[in-house]
Amino acid sequence: AGAGPFRSARQPLRAIAPGYARQCLRSVMCAVRWGRRTQQGRLRLTLAARGCSDGAMARKPDLTAHPNPLRAGALLGVWALVVPAGLGALALAISLLAELPLVGLLFIAMAVLVLAAGCVGVLAALDMLRQPAPILTISRDGLRDLRLSDQTIPWEALDWRRALLSTVRANGDTVQLRLSPEIKLRPAARAMALANRALKRPPCSVLTFALEVDAAAIARAMARHKDPWERSSGKG
């Protein structure tokens, strides 16, 4: 007789238990799905952050070069001495015009060239000293030399080669450039390009005397993005 109430209580429990079990199972499944989504989201964020980091590393320049203040100052001093020397040579040449006209004209032309070279050198040295560091940057975007141009020169707009201009000192080791006409040069670089064309040389060079790197390091960095040109090919 005592079993009757318990028997009557088990009947609603039996009816409720399947639904309650299904609800618990659904809750567990929802929790599992939420955990998976959270883990996947964290993985996506990690991969995205890692991708951004890799992209930032890929954009890191291959080489940056800063000017050496002592060398830049010495270069400015040398060119500053060339200017009065050119003026003196010009005065001497003018004095020869009366007695030796042909010799005087020849000396005038030489003095003008010396004076022009001195002025261009002074302007180039001053321009280099006032530029923010780094003055030279080589990256996958191209070559950026603030002594030559304000813009980054893309690789498709330049040809380059390493050249030894003088065997006396390593300072003659330089990297010569030939640029597309679309590249806008700075005034001092434009004047030097005209002088180099008159001497049948490539118009521009990455000068290394006043920098903290040498031509070999610059050539290695540039070779990662573009091969040097052959003497018989390239831009004119």
C-alpha atoms as a PDB file:
ATOM      1  CA  ALA A   1       0.000   0.000   0.000  1.00  0.00           C
ATOM      2  CA  GLY A   2       2.942   2.250   0.730  1.00  0.00           C
ATOM      3  CA  ALA A   3       4.217   1.789  -2.807  1.00  0.00           C
ATOM      4  CA  GLY A   4       1.235   3.474  -4.310  1.00  0.00           C
ATOM      5  CA  PRO A   5       2.332   7.098  -3.820  1.00  0.00           C
ATOM      6  CA  PHE A   6       5.856   6.366  -5.061  1.00  0.00           C
ATOM      7  CA  ARG A   7       4.451   4.581  -8.074  1.00  0.00           C
ATOM      8  CA  SER A   8       2.257   7.557  -8.817  1.00  0.00           C
ATOM      9  CA  ALA A   9       5.237   9.926  -8.445  1.00  0.00           C
ATOM     10  CA  ARG A  10       7.451   7.942 -10.831  1.00  0.00           C
ATOM     11  CA  GLN A  11       4.991   8.287 -13.673  1.00  0.00           C
ATOM     12  CA  PRO A  12       5.406  12.073 -14.149  1.00  0.00           C
ATOM     13  CA  LEU A  13       9.213  11.658 -13.679  1.00  0.00           C
ATOM     14  CA  ARG A  14       9.288   9.097 -16.468  1.00  0.00           C
ATOM     15  CA  ALA A  15       7.370  11.500 -18.651  1.00  0.00           C
ATOM     16  CA  ILE A  16       9.661  14.456 -17.837  1.00  0.00           C
ATOM     17  CA  ALA A  17      13.029  12.633 -17.925  1.00  0.00           C
ATOM     18  CA  PRO A  18      13.314  12.192 -21.716  1.00  0.00           C
ATOM     19  CA  GLY A  19      12.604  15.855 -22.399  1.00  0.00           C
ATOM     20  CA  TYR A  20      14.981  16.989 -19.668  1.00  0.00           C
ATOM     21  CA  ALA A  21      17.719  14.713 -21.022  1.00  0.00           C
ATOM     22  CA  ARG A  22      17.219  16.053 -24.506  1.00  0.00           C
ATOM     23  CA  GLN A  23      17.429  19.618 -23.194  1.00  0.00           C
ATOM     24  CA  CYS A  24      20.646  18.840 -21.306  1.00  0.00           C
ATOM     25  CA  LEU A  25      22.098  17.248 -24.433  1.00  0.00           C
ATOM     26  CA  ARG A  26      21.181  20.296 -26.468  1.00  0.00           C
ATOM     27  CA  SER A  27      22.823  22.552 -23.894  1.00  0.00           C
ATOM     28  CA  VAL A  28      25.991  20.447 -23.980  1.00  0.00           C
ATOM     29  CA  MET A  29      26.040  20.500 -27.802  1.00  0.00           C
ATOM     30  CA  CYS A  30      25.518  24.260 -27.829  1.00  0.00           C
ATOM     31  CA  ALA A  31      28.382  24.679 -25.377  1.00  0.00           C
ATOM     32  CA  VAL A  32      30.610  22.490 -27.559  1.00  0.00           C
ATOM     33  CA  ARG A  33      29.690  24.458 -30.688  1.00  0.00           C
ATOM     34  CA  TRP A  34      30.328  27.751 -28.897  1.00  0.00           C
ATOM     35  CA  GLY A  35      33.720  26.487 -27.713  1.00  0.00           C
ATOM     36  CA  ARG A  36      34.660  25.431 -31.239  1.00  0.00           C
ATOM     37  CA  ARG A  37      33.616  28.782 -32.681  1.00  0.00           C
ATOM     38  CA  THR A  38      35.523  30.627 -29.989  1.00  0.00           C
ATOM     39  CA  GLN A  39      38.620  28.538 -30.670  1.00  0.00           C
ATOM     40  CA  GLN A  40      38.289  29.062 -34.417  1.00  0.00           C
ATOM     41  CA  GLY A  41      37.854  32.786 -33.872  1.00  0.00           C
ATOM     42  CA  ARG A  42      40.942  32.936 -31.735  1.00  0.00           C
ATOM     43  CA  LEU A  43      42.836  30.979 -34.381  1.00  0.00           C
ATOM     44  CA  ARG A  44      41.698  33.396 -37.083  1.00  0.00           C
ATOM     45  CA  LEU A  45      42.795  36.354 -34.979  1.00  0.00           C
ATOM     46  CA  THR A  46      46.151  34.704 -34.339  1.00  0.00           C
ATOM     47  CA  LEU A  47      46.662  33.969 -38.025  1.00  0.00           C
ATOM     48  CA  ALA A  48      45.584  37.477 -38.971  1.00  0.00           C
ATOM     49  CA  ALA A  49      47.982  39.007 -36.469  1.00  0.00           C
ATOM     50  CA  ARG A  50      50.724  36.707 -37.664  1.00  0.00           C
ATOM     51  CA  GLY A  51      49.947  37.648 -41.255  1.00  0.00           C
ATOM     52  CA  CYS A  52      50.125  41.333 -40.398  1.00  0.00           C
ATOM     53  CA  SER A  53      53.432  40.752 -38.675  1.00  0.00           C
ATOM     54  CA  ASP A  54      54.760  38.856 -41.688  1.00  0.00           C
ATOM     55  CA  GLY A  55      53.552  41.629 -43.962  1.00  0.00           C
ATOM     56  CA  ALA A  56      55.297  44.228 -41.835  1.00  0.00           C
ATOM     57  CA  MET A  57      58.485  42.165 -41.954  1.00  0.00           C
ATOM     58  CA  ALA A  58      58.136  41.818 -45.726  1.00  0.00           C
ATOM     59  CA  ARG A  59      57.865  45.588 -46.020  1.00  0.00           C
ATOM     60  CA  LYS A  60      61.023  46.107 -43.980  1.00  0.00           C
ATOM     61  CA  PRO A  61      63.713  47.720 -46.158  1.00  0.00           C
ATOM     62  CA  ASP A  62      66.630  45.605 -47.282  1.00  0.00           C
ATOM     63  CA  LEU A  63      69.069  48.418 -46.565  1.00  0.00           C
ATOM     64  CA  THR A  64      69.028  51.886 -45.043  1.00  0.00           C
ATOM     65  CA  ALA A  65      72.020  54.208 -45.047  1.00  0.00           C
ATOM     66  CA  HIS A  66      72.645  57.294 -42.964  1.00  0.00           C
ATOM     67  CA  PRO A  67      75.045  60.105 -43.841  1.00  0.00           C
ATOM     68  CA  ASN A  68      78.340  60.307 -42.024  1.00  0.00           C
ATOM     69  CA  PRO A  69      78.528  63.894 -40.672  1.00  0.00           C
ATOM     70  CA  LEU A  70      82.327  64.045 -40.715  1.00  0.00           C
ATOM     71  CA  ARG A  71      82.613  62.813 -44.281  1.00  0.00           C
ATOM     72  CA  ALA A  72      79.763  65.021 -45.454  1.00  0.00           C
ATOM     73  CA  GLY A  73      81.408  68.040 -43.833  1.00  0.00           C
ATOM     74  CA  ALA A  74      84.744  67.178 -45.429  1.00  0.00           C
ATOM     75  CA  LEU A  75      83.026  66.854 -48.812  1.00  0.00           C
ATOM     76  CA  LEU A  76      81.433  70.269 -48.354  1.00  0.00           C
ATOM     77  CA  GLY A  77      84.826  71.771 -47.458  1.00  0.00           C
ATOM     78  CA  VAL A  78      86.498  70.336 -50.544  1.00  0.00           C
ATOM     79  CA  TRP A  79      83.839  71.653 -52.892  1.00  0.00           C
ATOM     80  CA  ALA A  80      83.880  74.995 -51.093  1.00  0.00           C
ATOM     81  CA  LEU A  81      87.592  75.294 -51.972  1.00  0.00           C
ATOM     82  CA  VAL A  82      86.901  74.456 -55.610  1.00  0.00           C
ATOM     83  CA  VAL A  83      84.628  77.495 -56.014  1.00  0.00           C
ATOM     84  CA  PRO A  84      87.276  80.198 -55.290  1.00  0.00           C
ATOM     85  CA  ALA A  85      89.780  78.195 -57.327  1.00  0.00           C
ATOM     86  CA  GLY A  86      87.400  78.371 -60.269  1.00  0.00           C
ATOM     87  CA  LEU A  87      86.911  82.086 -59.764  1.00  0.00           C
ATOM     88  CA  GLY A  88      90.679  82.637 -59.704  1.00  0.00           C
ATOM     89  CA  ALA A  89      91.153  80.575 -62.842  1.00  0.00           C
ATOM     90  CA  LEU A  90      88.392  82.556 -64.547  1.00  0.00           C
ATOM     91  CA  ALA A  91      90.048  85.882 -63.634  1.00  0.00           C
ATOM     92  CA  LEU A  92      93.387  84.605 -64.944  1.00  0.00           C
ATOM     93  CA  ALA A  93      91.806  83.416 -68.172  1.00  0.00           C
ATOM     94  CA  ILE A  94      90.143  86.794 -68.753  1.00  0.00           C
ATOM     95  CA  SER A  95      93.513  88.523 -68.300  1.00  0.00           C
ATOM     96  CA  LEU A  96      94.976  86.355 -71.062  1.00  0.00           C
ATOM     97  CA  LEU A  97      92.361  87.347 -73.626  1.00  0.00           C
ATOM     98  CA  ALA A  98      94.208  90.494 -74.704  1.00  0.00           C
ATOM     99  CA  GLU A  99      97.538  88.806 -75.509  1.00  0.00           C
ATOM    100  CA  LEU A 100      96.492  85.193 -76.224  1.00  0.00           C
ATOM    101  CA  PRO A 101      92.847  85.150 -77.297  1.00  0.00           C
ATOM    102  CA  LEU A 102      92.654  81.430 -78.131  1.00  0.00           C
ATOM    103  CA  VAL A 103      94.434  80.386 -74.952  1.00  0.00           C
ATOM    104  CA  GLY A 104      92.295  82.784 -72.956  1.00  0.00           C
ATOM    105  CA  LEU A 105      89.078  81.350 -74.376  1.00  0.00           C
ATOM    106  CA  LEU A 106      90.260  77.821 -73.643  1.00  0.00           C
ATOM    107  CA  PHE A 107      91.111  78.743 -70.066  1.00  0.00           C
ATOM    108  CA  ILE A 108      87.773  80.518 -69.662  1.00  0.00           C
ATOM    109  CA  ALA A 109      85.922  77.370 -70.712  1.00  0.00           C
ATOM    110  CA  MET A 110      87.961  75.251 -68.273  1.00  0.00           C
ATOM    111  CA  ALA A 111      87.476  77.778 -65.461  1.00  0.00           C
ATOM    112  CA  VAL A 112      83.734  77.850 -66.037  1.00  0.00           C
ATOM    113  CA  LEU A 113      83.592  74.055 -65.834  1.00  0.00           C
ATOM    114  CA  VAL A 114      85.591  74.057 -62.590  1.00  0.00           C
ATOM    115  CA  LEU A 115      83.403  76.786 -61.121  1.00  0.00           C
ATOM    116  CA  ALA A 116      80.223  75.002 -62.150  1.00  0.00           C
ATOM    117  CA  ALA A 117      81.472  71.723 -60.663  1.00  0.00           C
ATOM    118  CA  GLY A 118      82.309  73.479 -57.405  1.00  0.00           C
ATOM    119  CA  CYS A 119      78.892  75.112 -57.168  1.00  0.00           C
ATOM    120  CA  VAL A 120      77.093  71.852 -57.912  1.00  0.00           C
ATOM    121  CA  GLY A 121      79.237  70.027 -55.350  1.00  0.00           C
ATOM    122  CA  VAL A 122      78.506  72.608 -52.659  1.00  0.00           C
ATOM    123  CA  LEU A 123      74.775  72.441 -53.368  1.00  0.00           C
ATOM    124  CA  ALA A 124      74.821  68.637 -53.313  1.00  0.00           C
ATOM    125  CA  ALA A 125      76.736  68.516 -50.022  1.00  0.00           C
ATOM    126  CA  LEU A 126      74.443  71.065 -48.373  1.00  0.00           C
ATOM    127  CA  ASP A 127      71.394  69.236 -49.664  1.00  0.00           C
ATOM    128  CA  MET A 128      72.680  65.966 -48.233  1.00  0.00           C
ATOM    129  CA  LEU A 129      73.410  67.480 -44.834  1.00  0.00           C
ATOM    130  CA  ARG A 130      69.912  68.886 -44.463  1.00  0.00           C
ATOM    131  CA  GLN A 131      68.115  65.695 -45.540  1.00  0.00           C
ATOM    132  CA  PRO A 132      66.488  63.583 -42.820  1.00  0.00           C
ATOM    133  CA  ALA A 133      68.088  60.231 -42.104  1.00  0.00           C
ATOM    134  CA  PRO A 134      68.090  57.636 -43.566  1.00  0.00           C
ATOM    135  CA  ILE A 135      69.195  59.239 -46.807  1.00  0.00           C
ATOM    136  CA  LEU A 136      69.232  55.961 -48.751  1.00  0.00           C
ATOM    137  CA  THR A 137      66.603  53.208 -48.606  1.00  0.00           C
ATOM    138  CA  ILE A 138      66.462  50.044 -50.701  1.00  0.00           C
ATOM    139  CA  SER A 139      63.294  47.952 -50.506  1.00  0.00           C
ATOM    140  CA  ARG A 140      60.967  45.916 -52.675  1.00  0.00           C
ATOM    141  CA  ASP A 141      59.266  49.174 -53.671  1.00  0.00           C
ATOM    142  CA  GLY A 142      62.445  50.497 -55.267  1.00  0.00           C
ATOM    143  CA  LEU A 143      65.389  52.780 -54.584  1.00  0.00           C
ATOM    144  CA  ARG A 144      64.982  55.946 -52.528  1.00  0.00           C
ATOM    145  CA  ASP A 145      68.000  58.237 -52.539  1.00  0.00           C
ATOM    146  CA  LEU A 146      67.080  61.669 -51.238  1.00  0.00           C
ATOM    147  CA  ARG A 147      70.156  63.136 -52.915  1.00  0.00           C
ATOM    148  CA  LEU A 148      68.735  62.158 -56.303  1.00  0.00           C
ATOM    149  CA  SER A 149      64.968  62.468 -56.016  1.00  0.00           C
ATOM    150  CA  ASP A 150      62.179  63.031 -53.507  1.00  0.00           C
ATOM    151  CA  GLN A 151      60.311  59.974 -54.766  1.00  0.00           C
ATOM    152  CA  THR A 152      61.000  56.263 -54.500  1.00  0.00           C
ATOM    153  CA  ILE A 153      62.314  55.097 -57.868  1.00  0.00           C
ATOM    154  CA  PRO A 154      60.592  51.798 -58.797  1.00  0.00           C
ATOM    155  CA  TRP A 155      62.746  48.969 -60.052  1.00  0.00           C
ATOM    156  CA  GLU A 156      61.171  48.998 -63.489  1.00  0.00           C
ATOM    157  CA  ALA A 157      62.246  52.641 -63.903  1.00  0.00           C
ATOM    158  CA  LEU A 158      65.958  52.103 -63.333  1.00  0.00           C
ATOM    159  CA  ASP A 159      68.969  50.121 -64.456  1.00  0.00           C
ATOM    160  CA  TRP A 160      72.060  49.798 -62.303  1.00  0.00           C
ATOM    161  CA  ARG A 161      75.560  48.430 -62.189  1.00  0.00           C
ATOM    162  CA  ARG A 162      78.492  48.530 -59.829  1.00  0.00           C
ATOM    163  CA  ALA A 163      81.499  50.358 -61.263  1.00  0.00           C
ATOM    164  CA  LEU A 164      85.027  51.076 -60.087  1.00  0.00           C
ATOM    165  CA  LEU A 165      85.796  54.623 -61.187  1.00  0.00           C
ATOM    166  CA  SER A 166      89.251  54.729 -59.635  1.00  0.00           C
ATOM    167  CA  THR A 167      91.670  52.074 -58.379  1.00  0.00           C
ATOM    168  CA  VAL A 168      93.491  54.500 -56.078  1.00  0.00           C
ATOM    169  CA  ARG A 169      90.974  54.308 -53.236  1.00  0.00           C
ATOM    170  CA  ALA A 170      87.856  52.291 -52.502  1.00  0.00           C
ATOM    171  CA  ASN A 171      85.833  55.523 -52.618  1.00  0.00           C
ATOM    172  CA  GLY A 172      85.891  55.206 -56.409  1.00  0.00           C
ATOM    173  CA  ASP A 173      83.697  52.111 -56.052  1.00  0.00           C
ATOM    174  CA  THR A 174      80.167  53.266 -56.788  1.00  0.00           C
ATOM    175  CA  VAL A 175      76.794  52.162 -58.133  1.00  0.00           C
ATOM    176  CA  GLN A 176      75.835  53.813 -61.417  1.00  0.00           C
ATOM    177  CA  LEU A 177      72.222  54.368 -62.431  1.00  0.00           C
ATOM    178  CA  ARG A 178      70.282  54.965 -65.601  1.00  0.00           C
ATOM    179  CA  LEU A 179      66.769  56.214 -64.929  1.00  0.00           C
ATOM    180  CA  SER A 180      63.591  56.556 -66.936  1.00  0.00           C
ATOM    181  CA  PRO A 181      62.824  60.095 -68.129  1.00  0.00           C
ATOM    182  CA  GLU A 182      59.716  60.172 -65.914  1.00  0.00           C
ATOM    183  CA  ILE A 183      61.842  60.318 -62.756  1.00  0.00           C
ATOM    184  CA  LYS A 184      62.079  63.880 -61.460  1.00  0.00           C
ATOM    185  CA  LEU A 185      65.571  64.616 -60.174  1.00  0.00           C
ATOM    186  CA  ARG A 186      66.586  67.216 -57.633  1.00  0.00           C
ATOM    187  CA  PRO A 187      68.394  70.305 -59.029  1.00  0.00           C
ATOM    188  CA  ALA A 188      71.891  69.248 -57.960  1.00  0.00           C
ATOM    189  CA  ALA A 189      71.345  65.704 -59.256  1.00  0.00           C
ATOM    190  CA  ARG A 190      70.009  67.098 -62.537  1.00  0.00           C
ATOM    191  CA  ALA A 191      73.134  69.211 -62.991  1.00  0.00           C
ATOM    192  CA  MET A 192      75.379  66.253 -62.238  1.00  0.00           C
ATOM    193  CA  ALA A 193      73.404  64.122 -64.685  1.00  0.00           C
ATOM    194  CA  LEU A 194      74.021  66.676 -67.451  1.00  0.00           C
ATOM    195  CA  ALA A 195      77.741  66.694 -66.675  1.00  0.00           C
ATOM    196  CA  ASN A 196      77.898  62.903 -66.668  1.00  0.00           C
ATOM    197  CA  ARG A 197      76.116  62.701 -70.014  1.00  0.00           C
ATOM    198  CA  ALA A 198      78.656  65.153 -71.452  1.00  0.00           C
ATOM    199  CA  LEU A 199      81.401  62.798 -70.248  1.00  0.00           C
ATOM    200  CA  LYS A 200      79.593  59.774 -71.778  1.00  0.00           C
ATOM    201  CA  ARG A 201      78.868  58.304 -68.365  1.00  0.00           C
ATOM    202  CA  PRO A 202      75.633  57.045 -66.809  1.00  0.00           C
ATOM    203  CA  PRO A 203      73.748  60.118 -65.606  1.00  0.00           C
ATOM    204  CA  CYS A 204      73.373  59.240 -61.918  1.00  0.00           C
ATOM    205  CA  SER A 205      75.285  57.411 -59.222  1.00  0.00           C
ATOM    206  CA  VAL A 206      74.656  56.308 -55.654  1.00  0.00           C
ATOM    207  CA  LEU A 207      77.660  58.040 -54.123  1.00  0.00           C
ATOM    208  CA  THR A 208      79.040  56.254 -51.076  1.00  0.00           C
ATOM    209  CA  PHE A 209      81.771  58.593 -49.805  1.00  0.00           C
ATOM    210  CA  ALA A 210      79.567  60.373 -47.269  1.00  0.00           C
ATOM    211  CA  LEU A 211      77.505  57.303 -46.308  1.00  0.00           C
ATOM    212  CA  GLU A 212      78.021  54.672 -43.636  1.00  0.00           C
ATOM    213  CA  VAL A 213      77.778  51.804 -46.155  1.00  0.00           C
ATOM    214  CA  ASP A 214      79.899  50.844 -49.146  1.00  0.00           C
ATOM    215  CA  ALA A 215      79.023  50.090 -52.748  1.00  0.00           C
ATOM    216  CA  ALA A 216      79.261  46.340 -52.183  1.00  0.00           C
ATOM    217  CA  ALA A 217      76.454  46.376 -49.594  1.00  0.00           C
ATOM    218  CA  ILE A 218      74.307  48.588 -51.827  1.00  0.00           C
ATOM    219  CA  ALA A 219      74.864  46.308 -54.823  1.00  0.00           C
ATOM    220  CA  ARG A 220      73.930  43.221 -52.789  1.00  0.00           C
ATOM    221  CA  ALA A 221      70.688  44.828 -51.620  1.00  0.00           C
ATOM    222  CA  MET A 222      69.770  45.957 -55.128  1.00  0.00           C
ATOM    223  CA  ALA A 223      70.575  42.558 -56.639  1.00  0.00           C
ATOM    224  CA  ARG A 224      67.816  41.009 -54.507  1.00  0.00           C
ATOM    225  CA  HIS A 225      65.257  42.882 -56.589  1.00  0.00           C
ATOM    226  CA  LYS A 226      66.905  43.462 -59.978  1.00  0.00           C
ATOM    227  CA  ASP A 227      69.953  42.179 -61.801  1.00  0.00           C
ATOM    228  CA  PRO A 228      72.579  44.698 -62.947  1.00  0.00           C
ATOM    229  CA  TRP A 229      72.478  45.754 -66.549  1.00  0.00           C
ATOM    230  CA  GLU A 230      74.980  44.634 -69.154  1.00  0.00           C
ATOM    231  CA  ARG A 231      77.114  47.260 -70.831  1.00  0.00           C
ATOM    232  CA  SER A 232      75.468  46.640 -74.194  1.00  0.00           C
ATOM    233  CA  SER A 233      71.853  46.932 -72.968  1.00  0.00           C
ATOM    234  CA  GLY A 234      69.618  49.069 -70.803  1.00  0.00           C
ATOM    235  CA  LYS A 235      68.284  52.554 -71.026  1.00  0.00           C
ATOM    236  CA  GLY A 236      70.143  55.193 -72.957  1.00  0.00           C
END
